[in-house]
Amino acid sequence: MTTREEAVGQLIEVGRLAVERGLVVASGGNLSARQPGGTEFVVTGTGTWLDRLTPADFSVMTLDGGLVGGAQRPSSEWKLHQRTYRARPDVNAVVHLHPQYAVLVDALGHPIRLITQDHAFYVWSIGTVPYFPNGSDELADGAAAQARDHDCIVLSHHGCSTLGADVGMAFRRALNLEEAATATYRALLLGDTTTTFPPEALPDLHHGPP
């Protein structure tokens, strides 16, 4: 089992890679993880830059919303993470980023299409939450509701929330969600509105939420 310290190290690396790949800028986005079956989770602190994280930048919180250690000011989005964990006991990592193509395609009113095998395998299905203010109960509750059926959720005009049994899987889903959105955008530029991964091949792929 991954220790809390190991999970924090993985989140630090994910933060660096997310900024490097343009999935978030400045102090946007937030990351969290918990040990399987645990009642506490770590989440990035407010105002942290994801490519500059250190272990001191993480708050320790309970699933009831209590702050029990670490950085004294958790991310303003802590409720999004907390309520997702409460809705999905199988999820042990939540990656919240601001991928530009995923947000753009959703804002334009187009569904993000899964075109490659990796898109279909890692993303599988995409939930959406209408725009609500950053850090609001409505946003957190909407994301948690979508998390019951999806591992990838687009938060309209805002960003995405991707879930996994571990940090690596949550980040893989974020990467593939943005790649699928980029492919969708390029297809739209070519006038294509229908191409997707072959539906008949989907049963051969095992998928996300149980």
N, C-alpha and C. Protein backbone atom coordinates (compact mmCIF):
# COMPACT_ATOMS: atom_id res chain seq x y z
N MET A 1 0.84 -1.19 0.00
CA MET A 1 0.00 0.00 0.00
C MET A 1 0.89 1.25 0.00
N THR A 2 0.52 2.23 -0.82
CA THR A 2 1.26 3.48 -0.87
C THR A 2 1.07 4.26 0.42
N THR A 3 2.15 4.74 1.00
CA THR A 3 2.06 5.54 2.21
C THR A 3 1.61 6.96 1.85
N ARG A 4 1.20 7.71 2.87
CA ARG A 4 0.81 9.10 2.63
C ARG A 4 1.98 9.90 2.06
N GLU A 5 3.18 9.65 2.58
CA GLU A 5 4.35 10.37 2.10
C GLU A 5 4.63 10.05 0.63
N GLU A 6 4.46 8.79 0.25
CA GLU A 6 4.66 8.41 -1.14
C GLU A 6 3.61 9.05 -2.04
N ALA A 7 2.36 9.09 -1.57
CA ALA A 7 1.29 9.72 -2.36
C ALA A 7 1.57 11.21 -2.56
N VAL A 8 2.06 11.88 -1.51
CA VAL A 8 2.40 13.29 -1.64
C VAL A 8 3.50 13.47 -2.68
N GLY A 9 4.50 12.60 -2.66
CA GLY A 9 5.56 12.66 -3.65
C GLY A 9 5.03 12.50 -5.07
N GLN A 10 4.08 11.60 -5.24
CA GLN A 10 3.47 11.39 -6.55
C GLN A 10 2.67 12.62 -6.98
N LEU A 11 1.95 13.24 -6.05
CA LEU A 11 1.19 14.44 -6.38
C LEU A 11 2.11 15.60 -6.76
N ILE A 12 3.24 15.70 -6.08
CA ILE A 12 4.22 16.74 -6.43
C ILE A 12 4.69 16.57 -7.87
N GLU A 13 4.96 15.33 -8.27
CA GLU A 13 5.39 15.06 -9.64
C GLU A 13 4.26 15.34 -10.63
N VAL A 14 3.03 14.97 -10.29
CA VAL A 14 1.89 15.25 -11.16
C VAL A 14 1.73 16.76 -11.34
N GLY A 15 1.89 17.52 -10.27
CA GLY A 15 1.78 18.97 -10.38
C GLY A 15 2.81 19.54 -11.35
N ARG A 16 4.03 19.07 -11.25
CA ARG A 16 5.09 19.54 -12.16
C ARG A 16 4.75 19.20 -13.61
N LEU A 17 4.32 17.96 -13.84
CA LEU A 17 4.01 17.53 -15.20
C LEU A 17 2.78 18.26 -15.75
N ALA A 18 1.79 18.52 -14.90
CA ALA A 18 0.58 19.19 -15.36
C ALA A 18 0.89 20.60 -15.86
N VAL A 19 1.74 21.32 -15.14
CA VAL A 19 2.13 22.66 -15.57
C VAL A 19 2.99 22.57 -16.83
N GLU A 20 3.92 21.64 -16.85
CA GLU A 20 4.80 21.46 -18.01
C GLU A 20 4.01 21.20 -19.27
N ARG A 21 2.91 20.48 -19.16
CA ARG A 21 2.10 20.13 -20.33
C ARG A 21 0.99 21.13 -20.61
N GLY A 22 0.94 22.22 -19.86
CA GLY A 22 -0.04 23.26 -20.11
C GLY A 22 -1.45 22.95 -19.66
N LEU A 23 -1.59 22.00 -18.74
CA LEU A 23 -2.93 21.64 -18.25
C LEU A 23 -3.41 22.56 -17.14
N VAL A 24 -2.54 23.42 -16.67
CA VAL A 24 -2.91 24.39 -15.64
C VAL A 24 -1.83 25.46 -15.64
N VAL A 25 -2.18 26.68 -15.24
CA VAL A 25 -1.19 27.76 -15.17
C VAL A 25 -1.28 28.45 -13.81
N ALA A 26 -0.19 29.11 -13.44
CA ALA A 26 -0.11 29.88 -12.20
C ALA A 26 -0.56 29.02 -11.02
N SER A 27 -1.46 29.55 -10.19
CA SER A 27 -1.89 28.82 -8.99
C SER A 27 -3.22 28.12 -9.18
N GLY A 28 -3.59 27.86 -10.44
CA GLY A 28 -4.82 27.13 -10.70
C GLY A 28 -4.68 25.65 -10.38
N GLY A 29 -5.81 24.97 -10.23
CA GLY A 29 -5.82 23.53 -10.03
C GLY A 29 -5.48 23.11 -8.62
N ASN A 30 -5.82 21.88 -8.28
CA ASN A 30 -5.52 21.32 -6.97
C ASN A 30 -5.55 19.80 -7.06
N LEU A 31 -4.82 19.16 -6.15
CA LEU A 31 -4.61 17.72 -6.20
C LEU A 31 -4.84 17.12 -4.83
N SER A 32 -5.29 15.87 -4.78
CA SER A 32 -5.49 15.21 -3.49
C SER A 32 -5.29 13.71 -3.62
N ALA A 33 -5.09 13.08 -2.46
CA ALA A 33 -4.97 11.62 -2.41
C ALA A 33 -5.29 11.15 -1.01
N ARG A 34 -5.73 9.91 -0.92
CA ARG A 34 -5.94 9.27 0.38
C ARG A 34 -5.48 7.82 0.28
N GLN A 35 -5.23 7.22 1.42
CA GLN A 35 -4.91 5.81 1.43
C GLN A 35 -6.20 5.00 1.28
N PRO A 36 -6.16 3.87 0.58
CA PRO A 36 -7.37 3.08 0.37
C PRO A 36 -8.10 2.81 1.69
N GLY A 37 -9.38 3.13 1.71
CA GLY A 37 -10.20 2.90 2.89
C GLY A 37 -9.99 3.91 4.00
N GLY A 38 -9.12 4.89 3.77
CA GLY A 38 -8.81 5.86 4.81
C GLY A 38 -9.91 6.89 5.00
N THR A 39 -9.90 7.53 6.15
CA THR A 39 -10.87 8.58 6.47
C THR A 39 -10.25 9.96 6.42
N GLU A 40 -8.98 10.05 6.00
CA GLU A 40 -8.30 11.33 5.83
C GLU A 40 -7.70 11.41 4.44
N PHE A 41 -7.55 12.63 3.93
CA PHE A 41 -6.91 12.82 2.64
C PHE A 41 -6.02 14.06 2.68
N VAL A 42 -5.02 14.08 1.83
CA VAL A 42 -4.17 15.26 1.68
C VAL A 42 -4.63 16.02 0.45
N VAL A 43 -4.60 17.34 0.54
CA VAL A 43 -5.00 18.20 -0.58
C VAL A 43 -4.08 19.40 -0.60
N THR A 44 -3.77 19.89 -1.80
CA THR A 44 -2.89 21.04 -1.92
C THR A 44 -3.49 22.25 -1.21
N GLY A 45 -2.62 23.07 -0.67
CA GLY A 45 -3.05 24.26 0.04
C GLY A 45 -3.47 25.38 -0.90
N THR A 46 -4.15 26.35 -0.36
CA THR A 46 -4.64 27.46 -1.17
C THR A 46 -3.48 28.28 -1.72
N GLY A 47 -3.62 28.71 -2.98
CA GLY A 47 -2.63 29.57 -3.60
C GLY A 47 -1.35 28.90 -4.03
N THR A 48 -1.25 27.58 -3.90
CA THR A 48 -0.01 26.90 -4.29
C THR A 48 0.09 26.78 -5.81
N TRP A 49 1.32 26.87 -6.30
CA TRP A 49 1.60 26.65 -7.72
C TRP A 49 1.99 25.19 -7.88
N LEU A 50 1.32 24.49 -8.77
CA LEU A 50 1.48 23.04 -8.83
C LEU A 50 2.87 22.59 -9.27
N ASP A 51 3.64 23.46 -9.91
CA ASP A 51 5.00 23.06 -10.29
C ASP A 51 6.03 23.45 -9.24
N ARG A 52 5.57 23.93 -8.08
CA ARG A 52 6.49 24.33 -7.01
C ARG A 52 6.13 23.66 -5.68
N LEU A 53 5.39 22.58 -5.73
CA LEU A 53 4.89 21.96 -4.50
C LEU A 53 6.01 21.33 -3.68
N THR A 54 5.85 21.41 -2.37
CA THR A 54 6.68 20.68 -1.41
C THR A 54 5.74 19.97 -0.45
N PRO A 55 6.20 19.01 0.33
CA PRO A 55 5.31 18.34 1.29
C PRO A 55 4.61 19.29 2.24
N ALA A 56 5.22 20.45 2.53
CA ALA A 56 4.60 21.42 3.45
C ALA A 56 3.39 22.12 2.83
N ASP A 57 3.18 21.96 1.52
CA ASP A 57 2.07 22.63 0.84
C ASP A 57 0.78 21.84 0.87
N PHE A 58 0.74 20.73 1.60
CA PHE A 58 -0.45 19.89 1.64
C PHE A 58 -1.14 19.97 3.00
N SER A 59 -2.46 20.10 2.96
CA SER A 59 -3.27 20.04 4.16
C SER A 59 -3.78 18.62 4.34
N VAL A 60 -3.98 18.21 5.58
CA VAL A 60 -4.56 16.90 5.89
C VAL A 60 -5.98 17.15 6.40
N MET A 61 -6.96 16.52 5.74
CA MET A 61 -8.36 16.74 6.08
C MET A 61 -9.08 15.41 6.27
N THR A 62 -10.19 15.46 6.98
CA THR A 62 -11.02 14.28 7.15
C THR A 62 -12.16 14.30 6.14
N LEU A 63 -12.79 13.15 5.96
CA LEU A 63 -13.93 13.07 5.05
C LEU A 63 -15.14 13.83 5.58
N ASP A 64 -15.09 14.26 6.84
CA ASP A 64 -16.14 15.11 7.40
C ASP A 64 -15.84 16.59 7.20
N GLY A 65 -14.68 16.89 6.59
CA GLY A 65 -14.34 18.28 6.31
C GLY A 65 -13.50 18.96 7.36
N GLY A 66 -12.95 18.22 8.29
CA GLY A 66 -12.12 18.80 9.33
C GLY A 66 -10.66 18.90 8.90
N LEU A 67 -9.99 19.96 9.31
CA LEU A 67 -8.57 20.13 9.05
C LEU A 67 -7.80 19.58 10.24
N VAL A 68 -6.94 18.58 10.01
CA VAL A 68 -6.28 17.91 11.13
C VAL A 68 -4.76 17.97 11.05
N GLY A 69 -4.21 18.62 10.03
CA GLY A 69 -2.76 18.71 9.98
C GLY A 69 -2.28 19.36 8.70
N GLY A 70 -0.97 19.58 8.62
CA GLY A 70 -0.37 20.14 7.42
C GLY A 70 -0.66 21.61 7.25
N ALA A 71 -0.65 22.06 5.99
CA ALA A 71 -0.89 23.47 5.69
C ALA A 71 -2.23 23.92 6.27
N GLN A 72 -2.24 25.07 6.86
CA GLN A 72 -3.42 25.53 7.59
C GLN A 72 -4.53 26.10 6.71
N ARG A 73 -4.23 26.33 5.44
CA ARG A 73 -5.26 26.84 4.54
C ARG A 73 -5.36 25.91 3.33
N PRO A 74 -6.29 24.94 3.37
CA PRO A 74 -6.44 24.04 2.22
C PRO A 74 -7.00 24.78 1.02
N SER A 75 -6.84 24.18 -0.14
CA SER A 75 -7.41 24.74 -1.37
C SER A 75 -8.87 25.11 -1.18
N SER A 76 -9.28 26.19 -1.84
CA SER A 76 -10.68 26.59 -1.79
C SER A 76 -11.59 25.53 -2.39
N GLU A 77 -11.01 24.59 -3.14
CA GLU A 77 -11.79 23.50 -3.75
C GLU A 77 -11.79 22.23 -2.92
N TRP A 78 -11.41 22.31 -1.66
CA TRP A 78 -11.30 21.08 -0.86
C TRP A 78 -12.61 20.31 -0.82
N LYS A 79 -13.73 21.01 -0.87
CA LYS A 79 -15.02 20.32 -0.80
C LYS A 79 -15.26 19.45 -2.03
N LEU A 80 -14.75 19.87 -3.19
CA LEU A 80 -14.88 19.05 -4.39
C LEU A 80 -14.21 17.69 -4.16
N HIS A 81 -13.02 17.70 -3.56
CA HIS A 81 -12.30 16.46 -3.28
C HIS A 81 -13.01 15.65 -2.20
N GLN A 82 -13.36 16.31 -1.12
CA GLN A 82 -14.00 15.62 0.01
C GLN A 82 -15.28 14.91 -0.41
N ARG A 83 -16.12 15.60 -1.15
CA ARG A 83 -17.42 15.02 -1.49
C ARG A 83 -17.29 13.96 -2.57
N THR A 84 -16.28 14.06 -3.41
CA THR A 84 -16.02 13.00 -4.38
C THR A 84 -15.60 11.73 -3.66
N TYR A 85 -14.72 11.84 -2.68
CA TYR A 85 -14.31 10.66 -1.92
C TYR A 85 -15.49 10.03 -1.18
N ARG A 86 -16.36 10.84 -0.66
CA ARG A 86 -17.53 10.30 0.05
C ARG A 86 -18.46 9.57 -0.92
N ALA A 87 -18.56 10.07 -2.15
CA ALA A 87 -19.44 9.44 -3.16
C ALA A 87 -18.82 8.19 -3.77
N ARG A 88 -17.47 8.11 -3.78
CA ARG A 88 -16.78 7.01 -4.46
C ARG A 88 -15.73 6.41 -3.53
N PRO A 89 -16.08 5.45 -2.69
CA PRO A 89 -15.10 4.84 -1.79
C PRO A 89 -13.94 4.17 -2.50
N ASP A 90 -14.10 3.85 -3.78
CA ASP A 90 -13.03 3.20 -4.54
C ASP A 90 -11.99 4.17 -5.07
N VAL A 91 -12.26 5.45 -4.99
CA VAL A 91 -11.36 6.47 -5.53
C VAL A 91 -10.39 6.91 -4.44
N ASN A 92 -9.10 6.95 -4.80
CA ASN A 92 -8.06 7.34 -3.84
C ASN A 92 -7.22 8.52 -4.31
N ALA A 93 -7.58 9.11 -5.44
CA ALA A 93 -6.89 10.30 -5.92
C ALA A 93 -7.83 11.11 -6.79
N VAL A 94 -7.77 12.43 -6.64
CA VAL A 94 -8.56 13.35 -7.45
C VAL A 94 -7.62 14.41 -8.00
N VAL A 95 -7.64 14.58 -9.31
CA VAL A 95 -6.82 15.58 -9.99
C VAL A 95 -7.76 16.63 -10.59
N HIS A 96 -7.64 17.86 -10.12
CA HIS A 96 -8.46 18.95 -10.65
C HIS A 96 -7.55 19.93 -11.37
N LEU A 97 -7.70 20.02 -12.71
CA LEU A 97 -6.86 20.87 -13.55
C LEU A 97 -7.75 21.76 -14.42
N HIS A 98 -7.10 22.61 -15.21
CA HIS A 98 -7.83 23.54 -16.08
C HIS A 98 -7.40 23.34 -17.54
N PRO A 99 -7.68 22.17 -18.11
CA PRO A 99 -7.26 21.87 -19.49
C PRO A 99 -8.06 22.70 -20.50
N GLN A 100 -7.35 23.45 -21.34
CA GLN A 100 -8.01 24.45 -22.17
C GLN A 100 -8.89 23.87 -23.27
N TYR A 101 -8.47 22.79 -23.92
CA TYR A 101 -9.30 22.25 -25.00
C TYR A 101 -10.56 21.59 -24.45
N ALA A 102 -10.45 20.90 -23.33
CA ALA A 102 -11.64 20.29 -22.74
C ALA A 102 -12.66 21.35 -22.35
N VAL A 103 -12.18 22.44 -21.77
CA VAL A 103 -13.09 23.53 -21.38
C VAL A 103 -13.67 24.20 -22.61
N LEU A 104 -12.84 24.42 -23.64
CA LEU A 104 -13.31 25.10 -24.84
C LEU A 104 -14.36 24.29 -25.59
N VAL A 105 -14.07 23.01 -25.83
CA VAL A 105 -15.02 22.18 -26.58
C VAL A 105 -16.36 22.11 -25.84
N ASP A 106 -16.31 21.95 -24.52
CA ASP A 106 -17.55 21.93 -23.73
C ASP A 106 -18.27 23.27 -23.83
N ALA A 107 -17.54 24.38 -23.73
CA ALA A 107 -18.18 25.71 -23.78
C ALA A 107 -18.83 25.96 -25.13
N LEU A 108 -18.26 25.38 -26.20
CA LEU A 108 -18.84 25.54 -27.52
C LEU A 108 -20.07 24.67 -27.74
N GLY A 109 -20.37 23.82 -26.77
CA GLY A 109 -21.56 22.99 -26.85
C GLY A 109 -21.38 21.67 -27.55
N HIS A 110 -20.13 21.25 -27.72
CA HIS A 110 -19.86 19.98 -28.38
C HIS A 110 -19.43 18.93 -27.35
N PRO A 111 -19.87 17.70 -27.50
CA PRO A 111 -19.37 16.64 -26.63
C PRO A 111 -17.92 16.32 -26.97
N ILE A 112 -17.14 15.99 -25.97
CA ILE A 112 -15.78 15.53 -26.21
C ILE A 112 -15.86 14.09 -26.68
N ARG A 113 -15.30 13.82 -27.85
CA ARG A 113 -15.41 12.49 -28.44
C ARG A 113 -14.18 11.64 -28.13
N LEU A 114 -14.41 10.39 -27.81
CA LEU A 114 -13.33 9.44 -27.58
C LEU A 114 -13.01 8.79 -28.92
N ILE A 115 -11.78 9.01 -29.40
CA ILE A 115 -11.44 8.58 -30.75
C ILE A 115 -10.44 7.43 -30.75
N THR A 116 -9.46 7.46 -29.85
CA THR A 116 -8.46 6.41 -29.84
C THR A 116 -8.80 5.35 -28.78
N GLN A 117 -8.08 4.24 -28.87
CA GLN A 117 -8.26 3.18 -27.87
C GLN A 117 -7.93 3.69 -26.46
N ASP A 118 -6.87 4.50 -26.35
CA ASP A 118 -6.52 5.03 -25.02
C ASP A 118 -7.62 5.93 -24.48
N HIS A 119 -8.21 6.76 -25.35
CA HIS A 119 -9.33 7.59 -24.88
C HIS A 119 -10.44 6.70 -24.32
N ALA A 120 -10.80 5.69 -25.09
CA ALA A 120 -11.91 4.82 -24.68
C ALA A 120 -11.59 4.07 -23.39
N PHE A 121 -10.33 3.62 -23.26
CA PHE A 121 -9.96 2.81 -22.09
C PHE A 121 -9.87 3.66 -20.83
N TYR A 122 -9.15 4.77 -20.90
CA TYR A 122 -8.89 5.55 -19.69
C TYR A 122 -10.03 6.50 -19.34
N VAL A 123 -10.66 7.08 -20.33
CA VAL A 123 -11.73 8.05 -20.06
C VAL A 123 -13.07 7.35 -19.95
N TRP A 124 -13.40 6.56 -20.92
CA TRP A 124 -14.61 5.74 -21.02
C TRP A 124 -15.88 6.57 -21.13
N SER A 125 -16.15 7.42 -20.15
CA SER A 125 -17.33 8.28 -20.22
C SER A 125 -17.01 9.59 -19.51
N ILE A 126 -17.75 10.64 -19.88
CA ILE A 126 -17.46 11.98 -19.36
C ILE A 126 -18.72 12.59 -18.79
N GLY A 127 -18.65 12.98 -17.54
CA GLY A 127 -19.74 13.73 -16.93
C GLY A 127 -19.50 15.22 -17.08
N THR A 128 -20.54 16.01 -16.95
CA THR A 128 -20.40 17.46 -17.02
C THR A 128 -21.18 18.11 -15.87
N VAL A 129 -20.65 19.20 -15.40
CA VAL A 129 -21.30 20.00 -14.35
C VAL A 129 -21.43 21.42 -14.89
N PRO A 130 -22.60 22.03 -14.84
CA PRO A 130 -22.72 23.41 -15.30
C PRO A 130 -21.88 24.35 -14.44
N TYR A 131 -21.67 25.54 -14.94
CA TYR A 131 -20.82 26.48 -14.21
C TYR A 131 -21.39 26.83 -12.84
N PHE A 132 -20.57 26.69 -11.83
CA PHE A 132 -20.84 27.18 -10.48
C PHE A 132 -19.56 27.85 -9.98
N PRO A 133 -19.66 28.80 -9.07
CA PRO A 133 -18.47 29.50 -8.60
C PRO A 133 -17.45 28.56 -7.96
N ASN A 134 -16.20 28.94 -8.12
CA ASN A 134 -15.09 28.21 -7.53
C ASN A 134 -15.29 28.03 -6.02
N GLY A 135 -15.12 26.79 -5.56
CA GLY A 135 -15.21 26.51 -4.13
C GLY A 135 -16.63 26.40 -3.57
N SER A 136 -17.63 26.50 -4.43
CA SER A 136 -19.01 26.50 -3.94
C SER A 136 -19.50 25.09 -3.62
N ASP A 137 -20.52 25.03 -2.75
CA ASP A 137 -21.16 23.75 -2.45
C ASP A 137 -21.78 23.16 -3.70
N GLU A 138 -22.36 24.02 -4.55
CA GLU A 138 -23.01 23.53 -5.76
C GLU A 138 -22.02 22.83 -6.68
N LEU A 139 -20.83 23.41 -6.81
CA LEU A 139 -19.82 22.78 -7.66
C LEU A 139 -19.37 21.45 -7.07
N ALA A 140 -19.10 21.43 -5.78
CA ALA A 140 -18.64 20.20 -5.12
C ALA A 140 -19.70 19.11 -5.19
N ASP A 141 -20.95 19.47 -4.93
CA ASP A 141 -22.03 18.48 -4.96
C ASP A 141 -22.29 17.99 -6.38
N GLY A 142 -22.21 18.91 -7.35
CA GLY A 142 -22.40 18.51 -8.75
C GLY A 142 -21.33 17.55 -9.22
N ALA A 143 -20.08 17.83 -8.84
CA ALA A 143 -18.99 16.94 -9.23
C ALA A 143 -19.13 15.58 -8.56
N ALA A 144 -19.52 15.56 -7.30
CA ALA A 144 -19.70 14.29 -6.59
C ALA A 144 -20.82 13.47 -7.21
N ALA A 145 -21.90 14.15 -7.62
CA ALA A 145 -23.01 13.43 -8.25
C ALA A 145 -22.56 12.80 -9.56
N GLN A 146 -21.79 13.54 -10.37
CA GLN A 146 -21.30 13.00 -11.63
C GLN A 146 -20.28 11.88 -11.40
N ALA A 147 -19.54 11.97 -10.31
CA ALA A 147 -18.52 10.96 -10.00
C ALA A 147 -19.13 9.59 -9.74
N ARG A 148 -20.39 9.52 -9.42
CA ARG A 148 -21.02 8.22 -9.20
C ARG A 148 -21.07 7.40 -10.48
N ASP A 149 -21.02 8.08 -11.64
CA ASP A 149 -21.13 7.38 -12.92
C ASP A 149 -19.93 7.59 -13.84
N HIS A 150 -19.05 8.51 -13.51
CA HIS A 150 -17.96 8.85 -14.42
C HIS A 150 -16.65 9.04 -13.64
N ASP A 151 -15.53 8.72 -14.31
CA ASP A 151 -14.21 8.98 -13.74
C ASP A 151 -13.62 10.27 -14.26
N CYS A 152 -14.21 10.85 -15.29
CA CYS A 152 -13.76 12.12 -15.86
C CYS A 152 -14.94 13.08 -15.92
N ILE A 153 -14.76 14.25 -15.36
CA ILE A 153 -15.85 15.21 -15.25
C ILE A 153 -15.36 16.57 -15.72
N VAL A 154 -16.11 17.17 -16.64
CA VAL A 154 -15.80 18.53 -17.08
C VAL A 154 -16.64 19.51 -16.27
N LEU A 155 -15.98 20.48 -15.68
CA LEU A 155 -16.63 21.54 -14.92
C LEU A 155 -16.72 22.74 -15.86
N SER A 156 -17.90 23.03 -16.34
CA SER A 156 -18.06 23.99 -17.44
C SER A 156 -17.44 25.35 -17.13
N HIS A 157 -16.75 25.88 -18.13
CA HIS A 157 -16.07 27.19 -18.06
C HIS A 157 -15.05 27.24 -16.92
N HIS A 158 -14.53 26.09 -16.53
CA HIS A 158 -13.66 26.04 -15.36
C HIS A 158 -12.51 25.05 -15.56
N GLY A 159 -12.80 23.77 -15.60
CA GLY A 159 -11.73 22.79 -15.66
C GLY A 159 -12.26 21.38 -15.69
N CYS A 160 -11.50 20.47 -15.10
CA CYS A 160 -11.93 19.07 -15.06
C CYS A 160 -11.56 18.47 -13.72
N SER A 161 -12.23 17.38 -13.40
CA SER A 161 -11.92 16.57 -12.24
C SER A 161 -11.79 15.13 -12.73
N THR A 162 -10.63 14.52 -12.50
CA THR A 162 -10.44 13.14 -12.92
C THR A 162 -10.07 12.29 -11.71
N LEU A 163 -10.56 11.07 -11.70
CA LEU A 163 -10.50 10.22 -10.52
C LEU A 163 -9.75 8.94 -10.82
N GLY A 164 -9.16 8.35 -9.76
CA GLY A 164 -8.49 7.08 -9.96
C GLY A 164 -8.30 6.34 -8.66
N ALA A 165 -8.03 5.05 -8.79
CA ALA A 165 -7.71 4.25 -7.61
C ALA A 165 -6.36 4.63 -7.04
N ASP A 166 -5.55 5.32 -7.86
CA ASP A 166 -4.27 5.83 -7.39
C ASP A 166 -3.96 7.11 -8.16
N VAL A 167 -2.90 7.79 -7.75
CA VAL A 167 -2.54 9.07 -8.35
C VAL A 167 -2.24 8.92 -9.83
N GLY A 168 -1.50 7.87 -10.19
CA GLY A 168 -1.14 7.66 -11.58
C GLY A 168 -2.35 7.53 -12.49
N MET A 169 -3.36 6.77 -12.06
CA MET A 169 -4.52 6.59 -12.91
C MET A 169 -5.34 7.87 -13.03
N ALA A 170 -5.46 8.61 -11.96
CA ALA A 170 -6.20 9.87 -12.03
C ALA A 170 -5.53 10.81 -13.04
N PHE A 171 -4.20 10.87 -13.03
CA PHE A 171 -3.51 11.76 -13.96
C PHE A 171 -3.57 11.23 -15.39
N ARG A 172 -3.47 9.91 -15.57
CA ARG A 172 -3.61 9.35 -16.92
C ARG A 172 -4.95 9.76 -17.52
N ARG A 173 -5.97 9.74 -16.69
CA ARG A 173 -7.31 10.12 -17.20
C ARG A 173 -7.35 11.60 -17.58
N ALA A 174 -6.70 12.46 -16.80
CA ALA A 174 -6.66 13.88 -17.15
C ALA A 174 -5.94 14.08 -18.48
N LEU A 175 -4.83 13.39 -18.67
CA LEU A 175 -4.08 13.51 -19.91
C LEU A 175 -4.91 13.04 -21.11
N ASN A 176 -5.58 11.92 -20.96
CA ASN A 176 -6.36 11.38 -22.07
C ASN A 176 -7.63 12.18 -22.32
N LEU A 177 -8.21 12.76 -21.29
CA LEU A 177 -9.37 13.63 -21.48
C LEU A 177 -8.99 14.83 -22.33
N GLU A 178 -7.87 15.47 -22.00
CA GLU A 178 -7.45 16.64 -22.78
C GLU A 178 -7.03 16.24 -24.19
N GLU A 179 -6.40 15.09 -24.35
CA GLU A 179 -6.04 14.63 -25.69
C GLU A 179 -7.29 14.37 -26.53
N ALA A 180 -8.31 13.77 -25.90
CA ALA A 180 -9.57 13.53 -26.62
C ALA A 180 -10.23 14.84 -27.01
N ALA A 181 -10.18 15.83 -26.12
CA ALA A 181 -10.76 17.14 -26.43
C ALA A 181 -10.00 17.82 -27.57
N THR A 182 -8.68 17.69 -27.56
CA THR A 182 -7.87 18.27 -28.64
C THR A 182 -8.19 17.60 -29.97
N ALA A 183 -8.32 16.28 -29.95
CA ALA A 183 -8.68 15.55 -31.17
C ALA A 183 -10.07 15.96 -31.66
N THR A 184 -10.99 16.13 -30.72
CA THR A 184 -12.34 16.56 -31.08
C THR A 184 -12.31 17.93 -31.74
N TYR A 185 -11.54 18.86 -31.17
CA TYR A 185 -11.43 20.20 -31.71
C TYR A 185 -10.87 20.17 -33.13
N ARG A 186 -9.84 19.37 -33.35
CA ARG A 186 -9.25 19.27 -34.69
C ARG A 186 -10.23 18.67 -35.69
N ALA A 187 -10.98 17.67 -35.23
CA ALA A 187 -11.98 17.07 -36.11
C ALA A 187 -13.05 18.09 -36.49
N LEU A 188 -13.46 18.90 -35.52
CA LEU A 188 -14.45 19.94 -35.81
C LEU A 188 -13.93 20.95 -36.82
N LEU A 189 -12.65 21.30 -36.73
CA LEU A 189 -12.06 22.23 -37.70
C LEU A 189 -12.13 21.65 -39.11
N LEU A 190 -12.06 20.32 -39.21
CA LEU A 190 -12.14 19.65 -40.52
C LEU A 190 -13.58 19.42 -40.96
N GLY A 191 -14.53 19.82 -40.13
CA GLY A 191 -15.94 19.65 -40.46
C GLY A 191 -16.52 18.32 -40.05
N ASP A 192 -15.75 17.54 -39.30
CA ASP A 192 -16.22 16.21 -38.86
C ASP A 192 -16.92 16.34 -37.52
N THR A 193 -18.13 15.82 -37.44
CA THR A 193 -18.89 15.89 -36.18
C THR A 193 -19.31 14.52 -35.68
N THR A 194 -18.79 13.45 -36.28
CA THR A 194 -19.31 12.12 -35.94
C THR A 194 -18.26 11.09 -35.56
N THR A 195 -17.02 11.25 -35.98
CA THR A 195 -16.03 10.20 -35.77
C THR A 195 -15.79 9.93 -34.29
N THR A 196 -15.86 8.65 -33.90
CA THR A 196 -15.58 8.23 -32.53
C THR A 196 -14.90 6.86 -32.57
N PHE A 197 -14.45 6.43 -31.41
CA PHE A 197 -13.95 5.06 -31.29
C PHE A 197 -15.06 4.10 -31.67
N PRO A 198 -14.77 3.03 -32.42
CA PRO A 198 -15.83 2.12 -32.89
C PRO A 198 -16.66 1.57 -31.73
N PRO A 199 -17.95 1.84 -31.69
CA PRO A 199 -18.79 1.37 -30.57
C PRO A 199 -18.76 -0.14 -30.41
N GLU A 200 -18.64 -0.86 -31.51
CA GLU A 200 -18.65 -2.32 -31.43
C GLU A 200 -17.41 -2.87 -30.74
N ALA A 201 -16.35 -2.04 -30.64
CA ALA A 201 -15.12 -2.49 -29.99
C ALA A 201 -15.12 -2.20 -28.49
N LEU A 202 -16.07 -1.42 -28.03
CA LEU A 202 -16.10 -1.04 -26.62
C LEU A 202 -16.22 -2.22 -25.66
N PRO A 203 -17.02 -3.25 -25.98
CA PRO A 203 -17.11 -4.37 -25.02
C PRO A 203 -15.79 -5.06 -24.75
N ASP A 204 -14.80 -4.89 -25.64
CA ASP A 204 -13.51 -5.53 -25.43
C ASP A 204 -12.64 -4.77 -24.42
N LEU A 205 -13.08 -3.58 -24.04
CA LEU A 205 -12.32 -2.78 -23.07
C LEU A 205 -13.04 -2.83 -21.73
N HIS A 206 -12.30 -3.08 -20.66
CA HIS A 206 -12.92 -3.01 -19.35
C HIS A 206 -12.88 -1.56 -18.89
N HIS A 207 -13.87 -1.14 -18.13
CA HIS A 207 -14.02 0.29 -17.89
C HIS A 207 -14.08 0.65 -16.42
N GLY A 208 -14.27 1.99 -16.20
CA GLY A 208 -14.11 2.69 -14.94
C GLY A 208 -14.95 2.30 -13.76
N PRO A 209 -15.93 3.14 -13.37
CA PRO A 209 -16.64 2.91 -12.12
C PRO A 209 -17.29 1.55 -12.05
N PRO A 210 -17.27 0.88 -10.90
CA PRO A 210 -17.90 -0.44 -10.79
C PRO A 210 -19.42 -0.31 -10.86
